[in-house]
């Protein structure tokens, strides 16, 4: 059911966001092309201990 309250800006929009690496706090980047529905996300911070590892939503 849709809310009767008007949206007040981008903060109210339901937007899927890329997960944040729990090790370094940097937003993970997609590992797959944009046309893949269930894309994986990887930590791309070369200074992070989890560099190149999958980051799961909700981590």
N, C-alpha and C. Protein backbone atom coordinates (compact mmCIF):
# COMPACT_ATOMS: atom_id res chain seq x y z
N UNK A 1 0.85 -1.17 0.00
CA UNK A 1 0.00 0.00 0.00
C UNK A 1 0.89 1.23 0.00
N UNK A 2 0.59 2.17 -0.84
CA UNK A 2 1.39 3.38 -0.95
C UNK A 2 1.11 4.31 0.22
N UNK A 3 2.12 5.03 0.61
CA UNK A 3 1.99 5.99 1.68
C UNK A 3 1.22 7.21 1.19
N UNK A 4 0.38 7.78 2.05
CA UNK A 4 -0.36 8.98 1.68
C UNK A 4 0.49 10.24 1.90
N UNK A 5 1.64 10.07 2.53
CA UNK A 5 2.54 11.19 2.81
C UNK A 5 3.36 11.48 1.56
N UNK A 6 3.40 12.74 1.09
CA UNK A 6 4.21 13.04 -0.10
C UNK A 6 5.70 12.91 0.22
N UNK A 7 6.46 12.52 -0.80
CA UNK A 7 7.90 12.41 -0.63
C UNK A 7 8.50 13.80 -0.50
N UNK A 8 9.44 13.94 0.43
CA UNK A 8 10.03 15.25 0.66
C UNK A 8 11.42 15.37 0.04
N UNK A 9 11.90 14.35 -0.60
CA UNK A 9 13.23 14.43 -1.20
C UNK A 9 13.81 13.06 -1.44
N UNK A 10 15.08 13.04 -1.82
CA UNK A 10 15.77 11.79 -2.14
C UNK A 10 15.87 10.86 -0.95
N UNK A 11 15.90 11.41 0.26
CA UNK A 11 16.04 10.55 1.44
C UNK A 11 14.83 9.64 1.64
N UNK A 12 13.67 10.04 1.12
CA UNK A 12 12.47 9.24 1.28
C UNK A 12 12.30 8.20 0.17
N UNK A 13 13.03 8.32 -0.90
CA UNK A 13 12.90 7.39 -2.02
C UNK A 13 13.43 6.02 -1.63
N UNK A 14 12.75 4.98 -2.11
CA UNK A 14 13.23 3.62 -1.86
C UNK A 14 14.24 3.28 -2.94
N UNK A 15 15.52 3.32 -2.59
CA UNK A 15 16.59 3.11 -3.55
C UNK A 15 17.49 2.00 -3.01
N UNK A 16 17.77 1.02 -3.88
CA UNK A 16 18.73 -0.01 -3.49
C UNK A 16 20.12 0.60 -3.57
N UNK A 17 20.86 0.49 -2.52
CA UNK A 17 22.19 1.07 -2.48
C UNK A 17 23.23 -0.05 -2.40
N UNK A 18 24.40 0.26 -2.90
CA UNK A 18 25.50 -0.70 -2.82
C UNK A 18 25.88 -0.90 -1.35
N UNK A 19 26.28 -2.10 -0.98
CA UNK A 19 26.67 -2.35 0.40
C UNK A 19 27.98 -1.66 0.76
N UNK A 20 28.19 -1.46 2.03
CA UNK A 20 29.40 -0.86 2.57
C UNK A 20 30.29 -1.98 3.10
N UNK A 21 31.58 -1.93 2.78
CA UNK A 21 32.52 -2.93 3.29
C UNK A 21 32.60 -2.81 4.82
N UNK A 22 32.36 -3.89 5.55
CA UNK A 22 32.40 -3.82 7.01
C UNK A 22 33.82 -3.64 7.55
N UNK A 23 34.83 -3.86 6.73
CA UNK A 23 36.22 -3.75 7.17
C UNK A 23 36.75 -2.32 7.07
N UNK A 24 36.39 -1.63 5.98
CA UNK A 24 36.98 -0.30 5.76
C UNK A 24 35.95 0.82 5.66
N UNK A 25 34.66 0.49 5.49
CA UNK A 25 33.62 1.49 5.42
C UNK A 25 33.44 2.15 4.06
N UNK A 26 34.10 1.61 3.03
CA UNK A 26 33.99 2.15 1.68
C UNK A 26 32.87 1.43 0.94
N UNK A 27 32.13 2.16 0.11
CA UNK A 27 31.07 1.55 -0.69
C UNK A 27 31.67 0.56 -1.68
N UNK A 28 31.11 -0.65 -1.70
CA UNK A 28 31.59 -1.69 -2.61
C UNK A 28 31.12 -1.40 -4.03
N UNK A 29 31.85 -1.88 -5.00
CA UNK A 29 31.51 -1.68 -6.41
C UNK A 29 31.00 -2.98 -7.02
N UNK A 30 30.12 -2.88 -8.02
CA UNK A 30 29.60 -4.10 -8.66
C UNK A 30 30.71 -4.89 -9.34
N UNK A 31 30.65 -6.19 -9.19
CA UNK A 31 31.65 -7.06 -9.82
C UNK A 31 31.20 -7.49 -11.20
N UNK A 32 29.91 -7.36 -11.47
CA UNK A 32 29.33 -7.83 -12.72
C UNK A 32 28.85 -6.65 -13.56
N UNK A 33 28.62 -6.86 -14.85
CA UNK A 33 28.08 -5.79 -15.70
C UNK A 33 26.72 -5.32 -15.19
N UNK A 34 26.33 -4.11 -15.57
CA UNK A 34 25.10 -3.50 -15.08
C UNK A 34 23.85 -4.26 -15.47
N UNK A 35 23.90 -5.10 -16.50
CA UNK A 35 22.69 -5.81 -16.93
C UNK A 35 22.45 -7.09 -16.14
N UNK A 36 23.27 -7.41 -15.16
CA UNK A 36 23.09 -8.60 -14.33
C UNK A 36 22.15 -8.24 -13.18
N UNK A 37 21.09 -9.04 -13.00
CA UNK A 37 20.07 -8.72 -12.01
C UNK A 37 20.61 -8.85 -10.59
N UNK A 38 21.17 -9.97 -10.24
CA UNK A 38 21.68 -10.19 -8.89
C UNK A 38 23.19 -10.06 -8.89
N UNK A 39 23.67 -8.84 -9.01
CA UNK A 39 25.10 -8.62 -9.10
C UNK A 39 25.80 -8.81 -7.76
N UNK A 40 27.04 -9.20 -7.83
CA UNK A 40 27.88 -9.31 -6.64
C UNK A 40 28.59 -7.97 -6.46
N UNK A 41 28.96 -7.64 -5.23
CA UNK A 41 29.72 -6.43 -4.95
C UNK A 41 31.03 -6.82 -4.31
N UNK A 42 32.10 -6.11 -4.71
CA UNK A 42 33.44 -6.38 -4.19
C UNK A 42 34.02 -5.13 -3.56
N UNK A 43 34.85 -5.32 -2.52
CA UNK A 43 35.58 -4.21 -1.94
C UNK A 43 36.71 -3.85 -2.90
N UNK A 44 36.75 -2.60 -3.32
CA UNK A 44 37.76 -2.14 -4.27
C UNK A 44 38.77 -1.20 -3.63
N UNK A 45 38.84 -1.18 -2.30
CA UNK A 45 39.78 -0.33 -1.58
C UNK A 45 41.10 -1.10 -1.43
N UNK A 46 42.15 -0.71 -2.14
CA UNK A 46 43.41 -1.47 -2.08
C UNK A 46 44.07 -1.45 -0.70
N UNK A 47 43.67 -0.55 0.17
CA UNK A 47 44.24 -0.49 1.51
C UNK A 47 43.47 -1.33 2.52
N UNK A 48 42.41 -2.01 2.07
CA UNK A 48 41.56 -2.80 2.96
C UNK A 48 42.02 -4.26 3.00
N UNK A 49 41.86 -4.86 4.17
CA UNK A 49 42.20 -6.28 4.33
C UNK A 49 41.28 -7.18 3.50
N UNK A 50 40.09 -6.68 3.16
CA UNK A 50 39.11 -7.46 2.38
C UNK A 50 39.11 -7.07 0.91
N UNK A 51 40.15 -6.45 0.43
CA UNK A 51 40.24 -6.02 -0.98
C UNK A 51 39.96 -7.19 -1.90
N UNK A 52 39.02 -6.99 -2.85
CA UNK A 52 38.69 -8.01 -3.83
C UNK A 52 37.71 -9.07 -3.33
N UNK A 53 37.31 -9.01 -2.08
CA UNK A 53 36.38 -9.99 -1.53
C UNK A 53 34.95 -9.50 -1.66
N UNK A 54 34.02 -10.43 -1.72
CA UNK A 54 32.60 -10.09 -1.84
C UNK A 54 32.11 -9.39 -0.58
N UNK A 55 31.30 -8.36 -0.80
CA UNK A 55 30.64 -7.64 0.31
C UNK A 55 29.16 -7.89 0.14
N UNK A 56 28.51 -8.38 1.17
CA UNK A 56 27.10 -8.74 1.09
C UNK A 56 26.23 -7.63 1.66
N UNK A 57 25.09 -7.35 1.03
CA UNK A 57 24.17 -6.35 1.57
C UNK A 57 23.81 -6.69 3.01
N UNK A 58 23.74 -5.69 3.84
CA UNK A 58 23.42 -5.89 5.24
C UNK A 58 24.62 -6.25 6.08
N UNK A 59 25.82 -6.20 5.50
CA UNK A 59 27.03 -6.53 6.26
C UNK A 59 27.37 -5.44 7.24
